[in-house]
Structures are given as structure tokens and as C-alpha cells.
């Protein structure tokens, strides 16, 4: 079972880059979505700090705006009336991680 979860997680994390985030969340398992979003958030955050170090003064502000947009899209997806009940519950649980992830860049920007 651990091998299959690892395989599914690896595939879904790689697919995340190529697909719209709301579509990726709808198509993936809940735990895989959490793992993938945490992996990509960590990578993006490290990349933002690298860009700031290289002299891009607006990198953190741009990243904060991107996270706000992603959170808005996820909130709209949860509130969508066409969403099935089981999908709605999963998406509502997933809303906590992006909300927490958005706090760090916003604290640094302000």
C-alpha cells in the first residue's frame, strides 16, 4: 500500500504543474492534493527567497498576490453549487492549508 500511495503521489505532484489548480484538486485524492500543495508551496517559497536575494524587489509581493488568487479560486470552488457533497467536504478541508500558507508571505510583505 505504501508503494502505491508513493506512486500515486509522485504522479499527481508532477501533474500539478501542467494542470489548472482547481482541476488538479478535483481530479486528485485528498491526501495527494495536500502532499502536492505542500511540496509546491515549499518550492515556490524557496524560489521567491532566491529571487529576492538576486534583487527582485517585487518577488514576495507577486507571490503573495498569487497565493491570494489561488485561495479565492479554491473558495469559489467550495462555494460552487454544482459540487457534489463528498467533493465539497474534501475541498472544504483542503481550504485550511492554502489559508495558512498565505499568511507567511503577507506577513513579510507588510
PDB file of N, CA and C in Angstrom:
ATOM      1  N   UNK A   1       0.814  -1.192   0.000  1.00  0.00           N
ATOM      2  CA  UNK A   1       0.000   0.000   0.000  1.00  0.00           C
ATOM      3  C   UNK A   1       0.865   1.265   0.000  1.00  0.00           C
ATOM      4  N   UNK A   2       1.937   1.260   0.800  1.00  0.00           N
ATOM      5  CA  UNK A   2       2.812   2.432   0.859  1.00  0.00           C
ATOM      6  C   UNK A   2       3.422   2.717  -0.504  1.00  0.00           C
ATOM      7  N   UNK A   3       3.764   1.659  -1.232  1.00  0.00           N
ATOM      8  CA  UNK A   3       4.340   1.831  -2.564  1.00  0.00           C
ATOM      9  C   UNK A   3       3.330   2.457  -3.512  1.00  0.00           C
ATOM     10  N   UNK A   4       2.074   2.017  -3.455  1.00  0.00           N
ATOM     11  CA  UNK A   4       1.069   2.570  -4.349  1.00  0.00           C
ATOM     12  C   UNK A   4       0.754   4.029  -4.011  1.00  0.00           C
ATOM     13  N   UNK A   5       0.725   4.366  -2.726  1.00  0.00           N
ATOM     14  CA  UNK A   5       0.487   5.761  -2.327  1.00  0.00           C
ATOM     15  C   UNK A   5       1.631   6.640  -2.804  1.00  0.00           C
ATOM     16  N   UNK A   6       2.857   6.148  -2.681  1.00  0.00           N
ATOM     17  CA  UNK A   6       4.024   6.898  -3.154  1.00  0.00           C
ATOM     18  C   UNK A   6       3.954   7.109  -4.654  1.00  0.00           C
ATOM     19  N   UNK A   7       3.589   6.064  -5.380  1.00  0.00           N
ATOM     20  CA  UNK A   7       3.491   6.165  -6.843  1.00  0.00           C
ATOM     21  C   UNK A   7       2.413   7.169  -7.247  1.00  0.00           C
ATOM     22  N   UNK A   8       1.249   7.072  -6.635  1.00  0.00           N
ATOM     23  CA  UNK A   8       0.157   7.999  -6.952  1.00  0.00           C
ATOM     24  C   UNK A   8       0.559   9.428  -6.589  1.00  0.00           C
ATOM     25  N   UNK A   9       1.219   9.606  -5.456  1.00  0.00           N
ATOM     26  CA  UNK A   9       1.653  10.946  -5.035  1.00  0.00           C
ATOM     27  C   UNK A   9       2.656  11.533  -6.013  1.00  0.00           C
ATOM     28  N   UNK A  10       3.620  10.724  -6.443  1.00  0.00           N
ATOM     29  CA  UNK A  10       4.625  11.204  -7.403  1.00  0.00           C
ATOM     30  C   UNK A  10       3.988  11.654  -8.707  1.00  0.00           C
ATOM     31  N   UNK A  11       3.058  10.864  -9.216  1.00  0.00           N
ATOM     32  CA  UNK A  11       2.395  11.218 -10.471  1.00  0.00           C
ATOM     33  C   UNK A  11       1.585  12.502 -10.307  1.00  0.00           C
ATOM     34  N   UNK A  12       0.815  12.589  -9.232  1.00  0.00           N
ATOM     35  CA  UNK A  12      -0.036  13.765  -9.033  1.00  0.00           C
ATOM     36  C   UNK A  12       0.770  15.035  -8.786  1.00  0.00           C
ATOM     37  N   UNK A  13       1.894  14.927  -8.090  1.00  0.00           N
ATOM     38  CA  UNK A  13       2.732  16.102  -7.843  1.00  0.00           C
ATOM     39  C   UNK A  13       3.316  16.609  -9.163  1.00  0.00           C
ATOM     40  N   UNK A  14       3.695  15.694 -10.038  1.00  0.00           N
ATOM     41  CA  UNK A  14       4.233  16.102 -11.344  1.00  0.00           C
ATOM     42  C   UNK A  14       3.149  16.682 -12.240  1.00  0.00           C
ATOM     43  N   UNK A  15       1.938  16.158 -12.155  1.00  0.00           N
ATOM     44  CA  UNK A  15       0.828  16.635 -12.982  1.00  0.00           C
ATOM     45  C   UNK A  15       0.371  18.025 -12.544  1.00  0.00           C
ATOM     46  N   UNK A  16       0.574  18.355 -11.280  1.00  0.00           N
ATOM     47  CA  UNK A  16       0.134  19.628 -10.716  1.00  0.00           C
ATOM     48  C   UNK A  16       0.647  20.826 -11.508  1.00  0.00           C
ATOM     49  N   UNK A  17       1.848  20.720 -12.032  1.00  0.00           N
ATOM     50  CA  UNK A  17       2.459  21.825 -12.769  1.00  0.00           C
ATOM     51  C   UNK A  17       1.743  22.071 -14.091  1.00  0.00           C
ATOM     52  N   UNK A  18       1.262  21.009 -14.715  1.00  0.00           N
ATOM     53  CA  UNK A  18       0.695  21.099 -16.062  1.00  0.00           C
ATOM     54  C   UNK A  18      -0.795  21.431 -16.092  1.00  0.00           C
ATOM     55  N   UNK A  19      -1.483  21.273 -14.962  1.00  0.00           N
ATOM     56  CA  UNK A  19      -2.940  21.391 -14.939  1.00  0.00           C
ATOM     57  C   UNK A  19      -3.338  22.572 -14.045  1.00  0.00           C
ATOM     58  N   UNK A  20      -4.481  23.160 -14.349  1.00  0.00           N
ATOM     59  CA  UNK A  20      -5.053  24.220 -13.507  1.00  0.00           C
ATOM     60  C   UNK A  20      -5.255  23.680 -12.094  1.00  0.00           C
ATOM     61  N   UNK A  21      -4.986  24.495 -11.083  1.00  0.00           N
ATOM     62  CA  UNK A  21      -5.011  24.010  -9.705  1.00  0.00           C
ATOM     63  C   UNK A  21      -6.393  23.506  -9.277  1.00  0.00           C
ATOM     64  N   UNK A  22      -7.455  24.175  -9.701  1.00  0.00           N
ATOM     65  CA  UNK A  22      -8.788  23.707  -9.308  1.00  0.00           C
ATOM     66  C   UNK A  22      -9.121  22.378  -9.972  1.00  0.00           C
ATOM     67  N   UNK A  23      -8.701  22.198 -11.210  1.00  0.00           N
ATOM     68  CA  UNK A  23      -8.920  20.922 -11.894  1.00  0.00           C
ATOM     69  C   UNK A  23      -8.102  19.817 -11.234  1.00  0.00           C
ATOM     70  N   UNK A  24      -6.874  20.140 -10.858  1.00  0.00           N
ATOM     71  CA  UNK A  24      -5.996  19.170 -10.197  1.00  0.00           C
ATOM     72  C   UNK A  24      -6.589  18.723  -8.864  1.00  0.00           C
ATOM     73  N   UNK A  25      -7.150  19.644  -8.108  1.00  0.00           N
ATOM     74  CA  UNK A  25      -7.764  19.304  -6.825  1.00  0.00           C
ATOM     75  C   UNK A  25      -8.980  18.410  -7.039  1.00  0.00           C
ATOM     76  N   UNK A  26      -9.773  18.694  -8.063  1.00  0.00           N
ATOM     77  CA  UNK A  26     -10.966  17.890  -8.325  1.00  0.00           C
ATOM     78  C   UNK A  26     -10.620  16.475  -8.763  1.00  0.00           C
ATOM     79  N   UNK A  27      -9.523  16.328  -9.495  1.00  0.00           N
ATOM     80  CA  UNK A  27      -9.156  15.022 -10.055  1.00  0.00           C
ATOM     81  C   UNK A  27      -8.328  14.161  -9.112  1.00  0.00           C
ATOM     82  N   UNK A  28      -7.728  14.743  -8.090  1.00  0.00           N
ATOM     83  CA  UNK A  28      -6.799  14.004  -7.236  1.00  0.00           C
ATOM     84  C   UNK A  28      -7.438  13.594  -5.919  1.00  0.00           C
ATOM     85  N   UNK A  29      -6.810  12.625  -5.272  1.00  0.00           N
ATOM     86  CA  UNK A  29      -7.222  12.220  -3.932  1.00  0.00           C
ATOM     87  C   UNK A  29      -6.907  13.341  -2.946  1.00  0.00           C
ATOM     88  N   UNK A  30      -7.646  13.409  -1.857  1.00  0.00           N
ATOM     89  CA  UNK A  30      -7.451  14.473  -0.877  1.00  0.00           C
ATOM     90  C   UNK A  30      -6.064  14.498  -0.279  1.00  0.00           C
ATOM     91  N   UNK A  31      -5.557  13.321   0.147  1.00  0.00           N
ATOM     92  CA  UNK A  31      -4.234  13.295   0.777  1.00  0.00           C
ATOM     93  C   UNK A  31      -3.135  13.624  -0.231  1.00  0.00           C
ATOM     94  N   UNK A  32      -3.330  13.219  -1.472  1.00  0.00           N
ATOM     95  CA  UNK A  32      -2.347  13.523  -2.514  1.00  0.00           C
ATOM     96  C   UNK A  32      -2.344  15.016  -2.805  1.00  0.00           C
ATOM     97  N   UNK A  33      -3.516  15.618  -2.783  1.00  0.00           N
ATOM     98  CA  UNK A  33      -3.616  17.062  -3.003  1.00  0.00           C
ATOM     99  C   UNK A  33      -2.912  17.828  -1.895  1.00  0.00           C
ATOM    100  N   UNK A  34      -3.088  17.390  -0.658  1.00  0.00           N
ATOM    101  CA  UNK A  34      -2.393  18.041   0.451  1.00  0.00           C
ATOM    102  C   UNK A  34      -0.878  17.917   0.319  1.00  0.00           C
ATOM    103  N   UNK A  35      -0.406  16.715   0.009  1.00  0.00           N
ATOM    104  CA  UNK A  35       1.041  16.497  -0.152  1.00  0.00           C
ATOM    105  C   UNK A  35       1.576  17.350  -1.286  1.00  0.00           C
ATOM    106  N   UNK A  36       0.902  17.320  -2.421  1.00  0.00           N
ATOM    107  CA  UNK A  36       1.359  18.084  -3.579  1.00  0.00           C
ATOM    108  C   UNK A  36       1.361  19.576  -3.342  1.00  0.00           C
ATOM    109  N   UNK A  37       0.313  20.083  -2.703  1.00  0.00           N
ATOM    110  CA  UNK A  37       0.261  21.525  -2.463  1.00  0.00           C
ATOM    111  C   UNK A  37       1.346  21.960  -1.479  1.00  0.00           C
ATOM    112  N   UNK A  38       1.649  21.128  -0.493  1.00  0.00           N
ATOM    113  CA  UNK A  38       2.720  21.464   0.450  1.00  0.00           C
ATOM    114  C   UNK A  38       4.087  21.427  -0.218  1.00  0.00           C
ATOM    115  N   UNK A  39       4.296  20.450  -1.083  1.00  0.00           N
ATOM    116  CA  UNK A  39       5.578  20.358  -1.806  1.00  0.00           C
ATOM    117  C   UNK A  39       5.775  21.585  -2.683  1.00  0.00           C
ATOM    118  N   UNK A  40       4.744  21.927  -3.476  1.00  0.00           N
ATOM    119  CA  UNK A  40       4.889  23.060  -4.390  1.00  0.00           C
ATOM    120  C   UNK A  40       4.940  24.391  -3.661  1.00  0.00           C
ATOM    121  N   UNK A  41       4.208  24.516  -2.535  1.00  0.00           N
ATOM    122  CA  UNK A  41       4.294  25.750  -1.763  1.00  0.00           C
ATOM    123  C   UNK A  41       5.716  25.939  -1.226  1.00  0.00           C
ATOM    124  N   UNK A  42       6.313  24.855  -0.717  1.00  0.00           N
ATOM    125  CA  UNK A  42       7.685  24.942  -0.202  1.00  0.00           C
ATOM    126  C   UNK A  42       8.650  25.338  -1.309  1.00  0.00           C
ATOM    127  N   UNK A  43       8.509  24.713  -2.470  1.00  0.00           N
ATOM    128  CA  UNK A  43       9.408  25.034  -3.584  1.00  0.00           C
ATOM    129  C   UNK A  43       9.221  26.483  -4.023  1.00  0.00           C
ATOM    130  N   UNK A  44       7.971  26.927  -4.169  1.00  0.00           N
ATOM    131  CA  UNK A  44       7.710  28.301  -4.598  1.00  0.00           C
ATOM    132  C   UNK A  44       8.235  29.309  -3.583  1.00  0.00           C
ATOM    133  N   UNK A  45       8.091  29.013  -2.303  1.00  0.00           N
ATOM    134  CA  UNK A  45       8.587  29.915  -1.267  1.00  0.00           C
ATOM    135  C   UNK A  45      10.104  30.020  -1.321  1.00  0.00           C
ATOM    136  N   UNK A  46      10.787  28.893  -1.474  1.00  0.00           N
ATOM    137  CA  UNK A  46      12.246  28.918  -1.612  1.00  0.00           C
ATOM    138  C   UNK A  46      12.655  29.703  -2.855  1.00  0.00           C
ATOM    139  N   UNK A  47      11.903  29.530  -3.934  1.00  0.00           N
ATOM    140  CA  UNK A  47      12.205  30.245  -5.181  1.00  0.00           C
ATOM    141  C   UNK A  47      12.012  31.749  -5.010  1.00  0.00           C
ATOM    142  N   UNK A  48      10.995  32.153  -4.269  1.00  0.00           N
ATOM    143  CA  UNK A  48      10.761  33.581  -4.027  1.00  0.00           C
ATOM    144  C   UNK A  48      11.917  34.182  -3.242  1.00  0.00           C
ATOM    145  N   UNK A  49      12.380  33.483  -2.198  1.00  0.00           N
ATOM    146  CA  UNK A  49      13.512  33.994  -1.428  1.00  0.00           C
ATOM    147  C   UNK A  49      14.779  34.075  -2.290  1.00  0.00           C
ATOM    148  N   UNK A  50      14.950  33.121  -3.202  1.00  0.00           N
ATOM    149  CA  UNK A  50      16.104  33.163  -4.111  1.00  0.00           C
ATOM    150  C   UNK A  50      16.006  34.386  -5.025  1.00  0.00           C
ATOM    151  N   UNK A  51      14.794  34.647  -5.547  1.00  0.00           N
ATOM    152  CA  UNK A  51      14.627  35.807  -6.431  1.00  0.00           C
ATOM    153  C   UNK A  51      14.826  37.127  -5.683  1.00  0.00           C
ATOM    154  N   UNK A  52      14.392  37.188  -4.428  1.00  0.00           N
ATOM    155  CA  UNK A  52      14.613  38.392  -3.616  1.00  0.00           C
ATOM    156  C   UNK A  52      16.107  38.598  -3.410  1.00  0.00           C
ATOM    157  N   UNK A  53      16.816  37.520  -3.110  1.00  0.00           N
ATOM    158  CA  UNK A  53      18.264  37.600  -2.907  1.00  0.00           C
ATOM    159  C   UNK A  53      18.982  38.074  -4.173  1.00  0.00           C
ATOM    160  N   UNK A  54      18.422  37.700  -5.344  1.00  0.00           N
ATOM    161  CA  UNK A  54      19.026  38.110  -6.611  1.00  0.00           C
ATOM    162  C   UNK A  54      18.655  39.536  -6.999  1.00  0.00           C
ATOM    163  N   UNK A  55      17.786  40.183  -6.228  1.00  0.00           N
ATOM    164  CA  UNK A  55      17.497  41.589  -6.481  1.00  0.00           C
ATOM    165  C   UNK A  55      16.086  41.911  -6.937  1.00  0.00           C
ATOM    166  N   UNK A  56      15.231  40.924  -7.100  1.00  0.00           N
ATOM    167  CA  UNK A  56      13.849  41.189  -7.499  1.00  0.00           C
ATOM    168  C   UNK A  56      13.061  41.644  -6.280  1.00  0.00           C
ATOM    169  N   UNK A  57      12.825  42.945  -6.184  1.00  0.00           N
ATOM    170  CA  UNK A  57      12.184  43.521  -5.004  1.00  0.00           C
ATOM    171  C   UNK A  57      10.701  43.178  -4.903  1.00  0.00           C
ATOM    172  N   UNK A  58      10.082  42.829  -6.009  1.00  0.00           N
ATOM    173  CA  UNK A  58       8.644  42.582  -6.025  1.00  0.00           C
ATOM    174  C   UNK A  58       8.299  41.097  -5.991  1.00  0.00           C
ATOM    175  N   UNK A  59       9.264  40.227  -5.830  1.00  0.00           N
ATOM    176  CA  UNK A  59       9.009  38.782  -5.877  1.00  0.00           C
ATOM    177  C   UNK A  59       8.061  38.336  -4.773  1.00  0.00           C
ATOM    178  N   UNK A  60       8.275  38.804  -3.562  1.00  0.00           N
ATOM    179  CA  UNK A  60       7.424  38.390  -2.441  1.00  0.00           C
ATOM    180  C   UNK A  60       6.009  38.935  -2.596  1.00  0.00           C
ATOM    181  N   UNK A  61       5.899  40.175  -3.072  1.00  0.00           N
ATOM    182  CA  UNK A  61       4.580  40.782  -3.268  1.00  0.00           C
ATOM    183  C   UNK A  61       3.814  40.052  -4.372  1.00  0.00           C
ATOM    184  N   UNK A  62       4.513  39.669  -5.442  1.00  0.00           N
ATOM    185  CA  UNK A  62       3.885  38.907  -6.521  1.00  0.00           C
ATOM    186  C   UNK A  62       3.425  37.535  -6.035  1.00  0.00           C
ATOM    187  N   UNK A  63       4.256  36.898  -5.224  1.00  0.00           N
ATOM    188  CA  UNK A  63       3.921  35.585  -4.684  1.00  0.00           C
ATOM    189  C   UNK A  63       2.713  35.675  -3.757  1.00  0.00           C
ATOM    190  N   UNK A  64       2.660  36.707  -2.939  1.00  0.00           N
ATOM    191  CA  UNK A  64       1.507  36.907  -2.053  1.00  0.00           C
ATOM    192  C   UNK A  64       0.228  37.101  -2.867  1.00  0.00           C
ATOM    193  N   UNK A  65       0.314  37.844  -3.956  1.00  0.00           N
ATOM    194  CA  UNK A  65      -0.850  38.052  -4.817  1.00  0.00           C
ATOM    195  C   UNK A  65      -1.275  36.732  -5.469  1.00  0.00           C
ATOM    196  N   UNK A  66      -0.315  35.927  -5.877  1.00  0.00           N
ATOM    197  CA  UNK A  66      -0.616  34.628  -6.479  1.00  0.00           C
ATOM    198  C   UNK A  66      -1.329  33.726  -5.471  1.00  0.00           C
ATOM    199  N   UNK A  67      -0.848  33.701  -4.227  1.00  0.00           N
ATOM    200  CA  UNK A  67      -1.478  32.875  -3.201  1.00  0.00           C
ATOM    201  C   UNK A  67      -2.892  33.356  -2.895  1.00  0.00           C
ATOM    202  N   UNK A  68      -3.101  34.661  -2.906  1.00  0.00           N
ATOM    203  CA  UNK A  68      -4.436  35.213  -2.684  1.00  0.00           C
ATOM    204  C   UNK A  68      -5.381  34.785  -3.797  1.00  0.00           C
ATOM    205  N   UNK A  69      -4.903  34.815  -5.025  1.00  0.00           N
ATOM    206  CA  UNK A  69      -5.705  34.376  -6.165  1.00  0.00           C
ATOM    207  C   UNK A  69      -6.053  32.899  -6.047  1.00  0.00           C
ATOM    208  N   UNK A  70      -5.072  32.077  -5.689  1.00  0.00           N
ATOM    209  CA  UNK A  70      -5.326  30.646  -5.533  1.00  0.00           C
ATOM    210  C   UNK A  70      -6.346  30.382  -4.431  1.00  0.00           C
ATOM    211  N   UNK A  71      -6.242  31.108  -3.338  1.00  0.00           N
ATOM    212  CA  UNK A  71      -7.184  30.934  -2.242  1.00  0.00           C
ATOM    213  C   UNK A  71      -8.593  31.351  -2.662  1.00  0.00           C
ATOM    214  N   UNK A  72      -8.695  32.418  -3.433  1.00  0.00           N
ATOM    215  CA  UNK A  72     -10.002  32.863  -3.931  1.00  0.00           C
ATOM    216  C   UNK A  72     -10.621  31.822  -4.860  1.00  0.00           C
ATOM    217  N   UNK A  73      -9.793  31.239  -5.748  1.00  0.00           N
ATOM    218  CA  UNK A  73     -10.288  30.200  -6.650  1.00  0.00           C
ATOM    219  C   UNK A  73     -10.779  28.985  -5.873  1.00  0.00           C
ATOM    220  N   UNK A  74     -10.031  28.589  -4.853  1.00  0.00           N
ATOM    221  CA  UNK A  74     -10.419  27.440  -4.044  1.00  0.00           C
ATOM    222  C   UNK A  74     -11.696  27.726  -3.261  1.00  0.00           C
ATOM    223  N   UNK A  75     -11.823  28.939  -2.746  1.00  0.00           N
ATOM    224  CA  UNK A  75     -13.039  29.322  -2.023  1.00  0.00           C
ATOM    225  C   UNK A  75     -14.242  29.294  -2.956  1.00  0.00           C
ATOM    226  N   UNK A  76     -14.074  29.807  -4.162  1.00  0.00           N
ATOM    227  CA  UNK A  76     -15.167  29.777  -5.140  1.00  0.00           C
ATOM    228  C   UNK A  76     -15.538  28.345  -5.504  1.00  0.00           C
ATOM    229  N   UNK A  77     -14.544  27.469  -5.595  1.00  0.00           N
ATOM    230  CA  UNK A  77     -14.789  26.081  -5.923  1.00  0.00           C
ATOM    231  C   UNK A  77     -15.586  25.398  -4.808  1.00  0.00           C
ATOM    232  N   UNK A  78     -15.276  25.711  -3.568  1.00  0.00           N
ATOM    233  CA  UNK A  78     -16.010  25.130  -2.439  1.00  0.00           C
ATOM    234  C   UNK A  78     -17.445  25.645  -2.407  1.00  0.00           C
ATOM    235  N   UNK A  79     -17.636  26.900  -2.720  1.00  0.00           N
ATOM    236  CA  UNK A  79     -18.971  27.503  -2.670  1.00  0.00           C
ATOM    237  C   UNK A  79     -19.829  27.175  -3.896  1.00  0.00           C
ATOM    238  N   UNK A  80     -19.234  26.589  -4.919  1.00  0.00           N
ATOM    239  CA  UNK A  80     -19.951  26.281  -6.154  1.00  0.00           C
ATOM    240  C   UNK A  80     -21.111  25.338  -5.862  1.00  0.00           C
ATOM    241  N   UNK A  81     -22.267  25.656  -6.381  1.00  0.00           N
ATOM    242  CA  UNK A  81     -23.461  24.850  -6.102  1.00  0.00           C
ATOM    243  C   UNK A  81     -23.472  23.539  -6.885  1.00  0.00           C
ATOM    244  N   UNK A  82     -22.641  23.413  -7.907  1.00  0.00           N
ATOM    245  CA  UNK A  82     -22.617  22.204  -8.729  1.00  0.00           C
ATOM    246  C   UNK A  82     -21.714  21.122  -8.150  1.00  0.00           C
ATOM    247  N   UNK A  83     -21.042  21.414  -7.055  1.00  0.00           N
ATOM    248  CA  UNK A  83     -20.108  20.472  -6.455  1.00  0.00           C
ATOM    249  C   UNK A  83     -20.877  19.400  -5.692  1.00  0.00           C
ATOM    250  N   UNK A  84     -20.461  18.137  -5.861  1.00  0.00           N
ATOM    251  CA  UNK A  84     -21.081  17.030  -5.135  1.00  0.00           C
ATOM    252  C   UNK A  84     -20.735  17.136  -3.655  1.00  0.00           C
ATOM    253  N   UNK A  85     -21.537  16.527  -2.817  1.00  0.00           N
ATOM    254  CA  UNK A  85     -21.372  16.634  -1.369  1.00  0.00           C
ATOM    255  C   UNK A  85     -20.030  16.104  -0.894  1.00  0.00           C
ATOM    256  N   UNK A  86     -19.609  14.926  -1.390  1.00  0.00           N
ATOM    257  CA  UNK A  86     -18.336  14.365  -0.935  1.00  0.00           C
ATOM    258  C   UNK A  86     -17.153  15.197  -1.411  1.00  0.00           C
ATOM    259  N   UNK A  87     -17.259  15.743  -2.602  1.00  0.00           N
ATOM    260  CA  UNK A  87     -16.195  16.611  -3.112  1.00  0.00           C
ATOM    261  C   UNK A  87     -16.170  17.918  -2.338  1.00  0.00           C
ATOM    262  N   UNK A  88     -17.336  18.444  -2.014  1.00  0.00           N
ATOM    263  CA  UNK A  88     -17.439  19.698  -1.264  1.00  0.00           C
ATOM    264  C   UNK A  88     -16.778  19.567   0.107  1.00  0.00           C
ATOM    265  N   UNK A  89     -17.012  18.459   0.793  1.00  0.00           N
ATOM    266  CA  UNK A  89     -16.420  18.230   2.112  1.00  0.00           C
ATOM    267  C   UNK A  89     -14.907  18.159   2.015  1.00  0.00           C
ATOM    268  N   UNK A  90     -14.399  17.456   1.009  1.00  0.00           N
ATOM    269  CA  UNK A  90     -12.948  17.330   0.826  1.00  0.00           C
ATOM    270  C   UNK A  90     -12.329  18.692   0.530  1.00  0.00           C
ATOM    271  N   UNK A  91     -12.962  19.464  -0.336  1.00  0.00           N
ATOM    272  CA  UNK A  91     -12.422  20.768  -0.693  1.00  0.00           C
ATOM    273  C   UNK A  91     -12.456  21.720   0.489  1.00  0.00           C
ATOM    274  N   UNK A  92     -13.478  21.623   1.314  1.00  0.00           N
ATOM    275  CA  UNK A  92     -13.558  22.483   2.492  1.00  0.00           C
ATOM    276  C   UNK A  92     -12.409  22.167   3.448  1.00  0.00           C
ATOM    277  N   UNK A  93     -12.048  20.902   3.571  1.00  0.00           N
ATOM    278  CA  UNK A  93     -10.911  20.531   4.413  1.00  0.00           C
ATOM    279  C   UNK A  93      -9.603  21.027   3.821  1.00  0.00           C
ATOM    280  N   UNK A  94      -9.518  21.038   2.499  1.00  0.00           N
ATOM    281  CA  UNK A  94      -8.296  21.487   1.830  1.00  0.00           C
ATOM    282  C   UNK A  94      -8.118  22.996   1.915  1.00  0.00           C
ATOM    283  N   UNK A  95      -9.156  23.714   2.228  1.00  0.00           N
ATOM    284  CA  UNK A  95      -9.102  25.173   2.283  1.00  0.00           C
ATOM    285  C   UNK A  95      -8.202  25.669   3.405  1.00  0.00           C
ATOM    286  N   UNK A  96      -8.022  24.878   4.440  1.00  0.00           N
ATOM    287  CA  UNK A  96      -7.216  25.290   5.593  1.00  0.00           C
ATOM    288  C   UNK A  96      -5.736  25.463   5.225  1.00  0.00           C
ATOM    289  N   UNK A  97      -5.166  24.541   4.463  1.00  0.00           N
ATOM    290  CA  UNK A  97      -3.735  24.596   4.133  1.00  0.00           C
ATOM    291  C   UNK A  97      -3.365  25.834   3.320  1.00  0.00           C
ATOM    292  N   UNK A  98      -4.072  26.174   2.225  1.00  0.00           N
ATOM    293  CA  UNK A  98      -3.709  27.398   1.497  1.00  0.00           C
ATOM    294  C   UNK A  98      -3.904  28.665   2.317  1.00  0.00           C
ATOM    295  N   UNK A  99      -4.899  28.665   3.174  1.00  0.00           N
ATOM    296  CA  UNK A  99      -5.120  29.850   4.012  1.00  0.00           C
ATOM    297  C   UNK A  99      -3.941  30.067   4.948  1.00  0.00           C
ATOM    298  N   UNK A 100      -3.431  28.988   5.530  1.00  0.00           N
ATOM    299  CA  UNK A 100      -2.264  29.092   6.406  1.00  0.00           C
ATOM    300  C   UNK A 100      -1.001  29.425   5.610  1.00  0.00           C
ATOM    301  N   UNK A 101      -0.870  28.850   4.420  1.00  0.00           N
ATOM    302  CA  UNK A 101       0.314  29.090   3.595  1.00  0.00           C
ATOM    303  C   UNK A 101       0.382  30.544   3.135  1.00  0.00           C
ATOM    304  N   UNK A 102      -0.759  31.178   2.990  1.00  0.00           N
ATOM    305  CA  UNK A 102      -0.815  32.564   2.519  1.00  0.00           C
ATOM    306  C   UNK A 102      -0.325  33.548   3.578  1.00  0.00           C
ATOM    307  N   UNK A 103      -0.364  33.168   4.839  1.00  0.00           N
ATOM    308  CA  UNK A 103      -0.029  34.083   5.932  1.00  0.00           C
ATOM    309  C   UNK A 103       1.443  34.507   5.878  1.00  0.00           C
ATOM    310  N   UNK A 104       2.362  33.579   5.648  1.00  0.00           N
ATOM    311  CA  UNK A 104       3.795  33.865   5.693  1.00  0.00           C
ATOM    312  C   UNK A 104       4.211  34.970   4.727  1.00  0.00           C
ATOM    313  N   UNK A 105       3.909  34.867   3.423  1.00  0.00           N
ATOM    314  CA  UNK A 105       4.326  35.955   2.527  1.00  0.00           C
ATOM    315  C   UNK A 105       3.664  37.285   2.866  1.00  0.00           C
ATOM    316  N   UNK A 106       2.411  37.256   3.289  1.00  0.00           N
ATOM    317  CA  UNK A 106       1.732  38.507   3.619  1.00  0.00           C
ATOM    318  C   UNK A 106       2.344  39.180   4.834  1.00  0.00           C
ATOM    319  N   UNK A 107       2.827  38.406   5.795  1.00  0.00           N
ATOM    320  CA  UNK A 107       3.500  38.988   6.957  1.00  0.00           C
ATOM    321  C   UNK A 107       4.822  39.630   6.539  1.00  0.00           C
ATOM    322  N   UNK A 108       5.510  39.033   5.573  1.00  0.00           N
ATOM    323  CA  UNK A 108       6.787  39.574   5.126  1.00  0.00           C
ATOM    324  C   UNK A 108       6.626  40.790   4.229  1.00  0.00           C
ATOM    325  N   UNK A 109       5.511  40.848   3.494  1.00  0.00           N
ATOM    326  CA  UNK A 109       5.268  41.976   2.596  1.00  0.00           C
ATOM    327  C   UNK A 109       4.883  43.217   3.392  1.00  0.00           C
ATOM    328  N   UNK A 110       4.088  43.027   4.430  1.00  0.00           N
ATOM    329  CA  UNK A 110       3.597  44.185   5.188  1.00  0.00           C
ATOM    330  C   UNK A 110       4.615  44.721   6.139  1.00  0.00           C
TER     331      UNK A 110
END
